[in-house]
Amino acid sequence: MKKQDNKEEKKVSLMTNPGLLNLFVDDLHITMRNDGLATLGFYSLSADASYEHVKITTPVHRLRAMADLINSQLEKFDEREGEALSDDSKKGKK
């Protein structure tokens, strides 16, 4: 019989706010601060300027976790895209 850890994973509910605006952004600027925080600025591009929409500040360790999540999702996307391309090339061959 295995000894159970006293540490149990906390289950956190994801509470969404449907009233928030969905912003389209073209660019991201990240400023690493000396206090263990990072500030992310999200921008949209236009013909005459780049407009900042929102700034978000988060601890660097959380930003790393977010970056890992984004990278893993992009890898899954790349794999699906590769499968789709390979399926399309098979359709052309008879």
N, C-alpha and C. Protein backbone atom coordinates (compact mmCIF):
# COMPACT_ATOMS: atom_id res chain seq x y z
N MET A 1 0.84 -1.17 0.00
CA MET A 1 0.00 0.00 0.00
C MET A 1 0.89 1.24 0.00
N LYS A 2 0.61 2.14 -0.93
CA LYS A 2 1.43 3.35 -1.04
C LYS A 2 0.99 4.38 -0.02
N LYS A 3 1.99 5.07 0.49
CA LYS A 3 1.72 6.14 1.43
C LYS A 3 1.27 7.37 0.65
N GLN A 4 0.14 7.97 1.02
CA GLN A 4 -0.38 9.13 0.32
C GLN A 4 0.32 10.39 0.80
N ASP A 5 0.57 11.28 -0.15
CA ASP A 5 1.16 12.57 0.19
C ASP A 5 0.14 13.39 0.97
N ASN A 6 0.65 14.19 1.90
CA ASN A 6 -0.22 15.11 2.63
C ASN A 6 -0.62 16.28 1.75
N LYS A 7 0.18 16.53 0.72
CA LYS A 7 -0.11 17.62 -0.19
C LYS A 7 -1.15 17.14 -1.22
N GLU A 8 -2.27 17.80 -1.25
CA GLU A 8 -3.27 17.51 -2.26
C GLU A 8 -3.30 18.67 -3.23
N GLU A 9 -3.51 18.36 -4.51
CA GLU A 9 -3.59 19.42 -5.51
C GLU A 9 -4.83 20.25 -5.27
N LYS A 10 -4.65 21.56 -5.32
CA LYS A 10 -5.79 22.46 -5.19
C LYS A 10 -6.53 22.50 -6.51
N LYS A 11 -7.83 22.33 -6.46
CA LYS A 11 -8.64 22.46 -7.66
C LYS A 11 -9.16 23.89 -7.70
N VAL A 12 -8.82 24.59 -8.77
CA VAL A 12 -9.19 25.98 -8.91
C VAL A 12 -10.23 26.10 -10.01
N SER A 13 -11.30 26.80 -9.69
CA SER A 13 -12.33 27.04 -10.70
C SER A 13 -11.88 28.17 -11.61
N LEU A 14 -12.19 28.03 -12.87
CA LEU A 14 -11.88 29.08 -13.85
C LEU A 14 -13.15 29.91 -14.03
N MET A 15 -13.11 31.10 -13.50
CA MET A 15 -14.26 31.99 -13.57
C MET A 15 -14.05 32.95 -14.73
N THR A 16 -14.93 32.93 -15.71
CA THR A 16 -14.81 33.82 -16.86
C THR A 16 -15.77 34.99 -16.71
N ASN A 17 -15.44 36.08 -17.37
CA ASN A 17 -16.27 37.28 -17.34
C ASN A 17 -16.75 37.56 -18.76
N PRO A 18 -17.98 37.19 -19.09
CA PRO A 18 -18.46 37.39 -20.46
C PRO A 18 -18.61 38.86 -20.84
N GLY A 19 -18.52 39.75 -19.87
CA GLY A 19 -18.64 41.18 -20.15
C GLY A 19 -17.36 41.82 -20.65
N LEU A 20 -16.25 41.09 -20.59
CA LEU A 20 -14.98 41.66 -21.05
C LEU A 20 -14.94 41.76 -22.56
N LEU A 21 -14.27 42.78 -23.04
CA LEU A 21 -14.08 42.93 -24.48
C LEU A 21 -13.05 41.92 -24.98
N ASN A 22 -13.22 41.47 -26.19
CA ASN A 22 -12.25 40.61 -26.85
C ASN A 22 -11.43 41.51 -27.77
N LEU A 23 -10.16 41.71 -27.45
CA LEU A 23 -9.31 42.61 -28.21
C LEU A 23 -8.49 41.85 -29.23
N PHE A 24 -8.39 42.40 -30.42
CA PHE A 24 -7.50 41.85 -31.45
C PHE A 24 -6.19 42.63 -31.37
N VAL A 25 -5.09 41.91 -31.23
CA VAL A 25 -3.79 42.57 -31.13
C VAL A 25 -2.85 42.00 -32.18
N ASP A 26 -1.90 42.84 -32.59
CA ASP A 26 -0.90 42.45 -33.58
C ASP A 26 0.47 42.24 -32.98
N ASP A 27 0.70 42.82 -31.81
CA ASP A 27 2.06 42.85 -31.28
C ASP A 27 2.05 42.74 -29.77
N LEU A 28 3.14 42.24 -29.24
CA LEU A 28 3.32 42.08 -27.81
C LEU A 28 4.70 42.60 -27.44
N HIS A 29 4.76 43.43 -26.43
CA HIS A 29 6.04 43.91 -25.89
C HIS A 29 6.13 43.42 -24.45
N ILE A 30 7.27 42.83 -24.10
CA ILE A 30 7.47 42.33 -22.75
C ILE A 30 8.64 43.08 -22.12
N THR A 31 8.38 43.63 -20.94
CA THR A 31 9.43 44.32 -20.19
C THR A 31 9.69 43.53 -18.91
N MET A 32 10.90 43.04 -18.77
CA MET A 32 11.29 42.31 -17.57
C MET A 32 11.78 43.32 -16.53
N ARG A 33 11.20 43.26 -15.36
CA ARG A 33 11.55 44.19 -14.31
C ARG A 33 12.55 43.56 -13.36
N ASN A 34 13.15 44.36 -12.50
CA ASN A 34 14.15 43.87 -11.54
C ASN A 34 13.53 43.27 -10.28
N ASP A 35 12.23 43.35 -10.14
CA ASP A 35 11.57 42.87 -8.92
C ASP A 35 10.87 41.52 -9.11
N GLY A 36 11.22 40.78 -10.17
CA GLY A 36 10.62 39.47 -10.40
C GLY A 36 9.29 39.53 -11.12
N LEU A 37 8.95 40.70 -11.63
CA LEU A 37 7.71 40.86 -12.38
C LEU A 37 8.01 41.17 -13.83
N ALA A 38 7.05 40.91 -14.68
CA ALA A 38 7.15 41.24 -16.10
C ALA A 38 5.89 41.99 -16.50
N THR A 39 6.05 42.99 -17.34
CA THR A 39 4.91 43.74 -17.85
C THR A 39 4.75 43.44 -19.33
N LEU A 40 3.54 43.04 -19.71
CA LEU A 40 3.23 42.73 -21.10
C LEU A 40 2.33 43.83 -21.64
N GLY A 41 2.70 44.39 -22.77
CA GLY A 41 1.88 45.39 -23.45
C GLY A 41 1.38 44.82 -24.76
N PHE A 42 0.07 44.92 -25.00
CA PHE A 42 -0.54 44.39 -26.22
C PHE A 42 -0.92 45.55 -27.13
N TYR A 43 -0.52 45.47 -28.39
CA TYR A 43 -0.66 46.57 -29.34
C TYR A 43 -1.38 46.13 -30.60
N SER A 44 -2.07 47.09 -31.23
CA SER A 44 -2.63 46.92 -32.57
C SER A 44 -1.92 47.88 -33.50
N LEU A 45 -1.67 47.43 -34.71
CA LEU A 45 -0.97 48.24 -35.69
C LEU A 45 -1.97 48.91 -36.62
N SER A 46 -1.67 50.15 -36.98
CA SER A 46 -2.44 50.83 -38.01
C SER A 46 -1.45 51.46 -38.97
N ALA A 47 -1.95 52.12 -39.99
CA ALA A 47 -1.06 52.72 -40.99
C ALA A 47 -0.17 53.80 -40.40
N ASP A 48 -0.66 54.50 -39.37
CA ASP A 48 0.11 55.62 -38.85
C ASP A 48 0.77 55.39 -37.50
N ALA A 49 0.36 54.35 -36.76
CA ALA A 49 0.94 54.16 -35.43
C ALA A 49 0.64 52.76 -34.90
N SER A 50 1.25 52.47 -33.77
CA SER A 50 0.98 51.25 -33.03
C SER A 50 0.28 51.67 -31.74
N TYR A 51 -0.92 51.15 -31.49
CA TYR A 51 -1.72 51.57 -30.36
C TYR A 51 -1.72 50.51 -29.27
N GLU A 52 -1.38 50.93 -28.05
CA GLU A 52 -1.41 50.02 -26.92
C GLU A 52 -2.84 49.90 -26.41
N HIS A 53 -3.29 48.66 -26.19
CA HIS A 53 -4.64 48.42 -25.70
C HIS A 53 -4.67 48.12 -24.21
N VAL A 54 -3.71 47.34 -23.76
CA VAL A 54 -3.74 46.93 -22.35
C VAL A 54 -2.32 46.56 -21.92
N LYS A 55 -2.04 46.78 -20.64
CA LYS A 55 -0.80 46.32 -20.01
C LYS A 55 -1.18 45.34 -18.92
N ILE A 56 -0.41 44.29 -18.82
CA ILE A 56 -0.63 43.28 -17.79
C ILE A 56 0.70 43.04 -17.09
N THR A 57 0.67 43.01 -15.76
CA THR A 57 1.88 42.72 -14.99
C THR A 57 1.66 41.39 -14.28
N THR A 58 2.67 40.52 -14.35
CA THR A 58 2.57 39.19 -13.76
C THR A 58 3.95 38.76 -13.25
N PRO A 59 4.01 37.88 -12.26
CA PRO A 59 5.31 37.36 -11.83
C PRO A 59 5.98 36.59 -12.97
N VAL A 60 7.29 36.68 -13.03
CA VAL A 60 8.04 36.03 -14.11
C VAL A 60 7.79 34.52 -14.11
N HIS A 61 7.69 33.89 -12.94
CA HIS A 61 7.48 32.43 -12.92
C HIS A 61 6.12 32.07 -13.52
N ARG A 62 5.12 32.92 -13.37
CA ARG A 62 3.81 32.66 -13.99
C ARG A 62 3.89 32.90 -15.50
N LEU A 63 4.66 33.92 -15.90
CA LEU A 63 4.84 34.19 -17.32
C LEU A 63 5.52 33.00 -18.00
N ARG A 64 6.50 32.40 -17.34
CA ARG A 64 7.15 31.20 -17.90
C ARG A 64 6.14 30.07 -18.08
N ALA A 65 5.26 29.87 -17.10
CA ALA A 65 4.23 28.82 -17.22
C ALA A 65 3.29 29.13 -18.38
N MET A 66 2.93 30.41 -18.54
CA MET A 66 2.07 30.80 -19.66
C MET A 66 2.77 30.56 -20.99
N ALA A 67 4.06 30.91 -21.06
CA ALA A 67 4.82 30.71 -22.30
C ALA A 67 4.91 29.22 -22.63
N ASP A 68 5.10 28.37 -21.62
CA ASP A 68 5.13 26.93 -21.85
C ASP A 68 3.80 26.44 -22.40
N LEU A 69 2.70 26.95 -21.86
CA LEU A 69 1.38 26.57 -22.34
C LEU A 69 1.17 27.01 -23.78
N ILE A 70 1.55 28.24 -24.09
CA ILE A 70 1.42 28.74 -25.47
C ILE A 70 2.26 27.89 -26.42
N ASN A 71 3.50 27.59 -26.03
CA ASN A 71 4.37 26.77 -26.88
C ASN A 71 3.78 25.39 -27.12
N SER A 72 3.24 24.77 -26.08
CA SER A 72 2.68 23.43 -26.27
C SER A 72 1.46 23.48 -27.19
N GLN A 73 0.65 24.52 -27.08
CA GLN A 73 -0.51 24.65 -27.96
C GLN A 73 -0.07 24.89 -29.40
N LEU A 74 0.97 25.69 -29.60
CA LEU A 74 1.47 25.93 -30.95
C LEU A 74 2.05 24.66 -31.56
N GLU A 75 2.73 23.85 -30.74
CA GLU A 75 3.26 22.58 -31.24
C GLU A 75 2.12 21.67 -31.68
N LYS A 76 1.04 21.62 -30.91
CA LYS A 76 -0.12 20.81 -31.30
C LYS A 76 -0.72 21.34 -32.59
N PHE A 77 -0.79 22.66 -32.72
CA PHE A 77 -1.31 23.27 -33.94
C PHE A 77 -0.42 22.91 -35.12
N ASP A 78 0.91 23.00 -34.94
CA ASP A 78 1.84 22.65 -36.02
C ASP A 78 1.67 21.19 -36.43
N GLU A 79 1.47 20.31 -35.45
CA GLU A 79 1.28 18.89 -35.77
C GLU A 79 0.00 18.70 -36.58
N ARG A 80 -1.08 19.37 -36.18
CA ARG A 80 -2.35 19.26 -36.92
C ARG A 80 -2.20 19.82 -38.32
N GLU A 81 -1.51 20.95 -38.45
CA GLU A 81 -1.29 21.55 -39.76
C GLU A 81 -0.49 20.60 -40.64
N GLY A 82 0.53 19.95 -40.07
CA GLY A 82 1.32 18.99 -40.83
C GLY A 82 0.48 17.82 -41.29
N GLU A 83 -0.41 17.34 -40.42
CA GLU A 83 -1.30 16.24 -40.79
C GLU A 83 -2.24 16.68 -41.91
N ALA A 84 -2.76 17.90 -41.80
CA ALA A 84 -3.67 18.39 -42.83
C ALA A 84 -2.96 18.53 -44.17
N LEU A 85 -1.73 19.03 -44.15
CA LEU A 85 -0.96 19.16 -45.39
C LEU A 85 -0.68 17.80 -45.99
N SER A 86 -0.33 16.84 -45.14
CA SER A 86 -0.02 15.51 -45.65
C SER A 86 -1.29 14.84 -46.20
N ASP A 87 -2.44 15.07 -45.56
CA ASP A 87 -3.71 14.53 -46.08
C ASP A 87 -4.05 15.14 -47.42
N ASP A 88 -3.83 16.45 -47.56
CA ASP A 88 -4.12 17.13 -48.83
C ASP A 88 -3.23 16.58 -49.95
N SER A 89 -1.97 16.30 -49.65
CA SER A 89 -1.07 15.80 -50.68
C SER A 89 -1.48 14.38 -51.10
N LYS A 90 -2.03 13.59 -50.15
CA LYS A 90 -2.48 12.24 -50.49
C LYS A 90 -3.70 12.28 -51.39
N LYS A 91 -4.56 13.29 -51.18
CA LYS A 91 -5.78 13.41 -51.99
C LYS A 91 -5.45 13.65 -53.46
N GLY A 92 -4.36 14.37 -53.71
CA GLY A 92 -3.97 14.69 -55.08
C GLY A 92 -3.41 13.50 -55.83
N LYS A 93 -2.94 12.49 -55.09
CA LYS A 93 -2.34 11.30 -55.72
C LYS A 93 -3.41 10.23 -55.90
N LYS A 94 -3.41 9.60 -57.06
CA LYS A 94 -4.34 8.49 -57.30
C LYS A 94 -3.60 7.27 -57.78
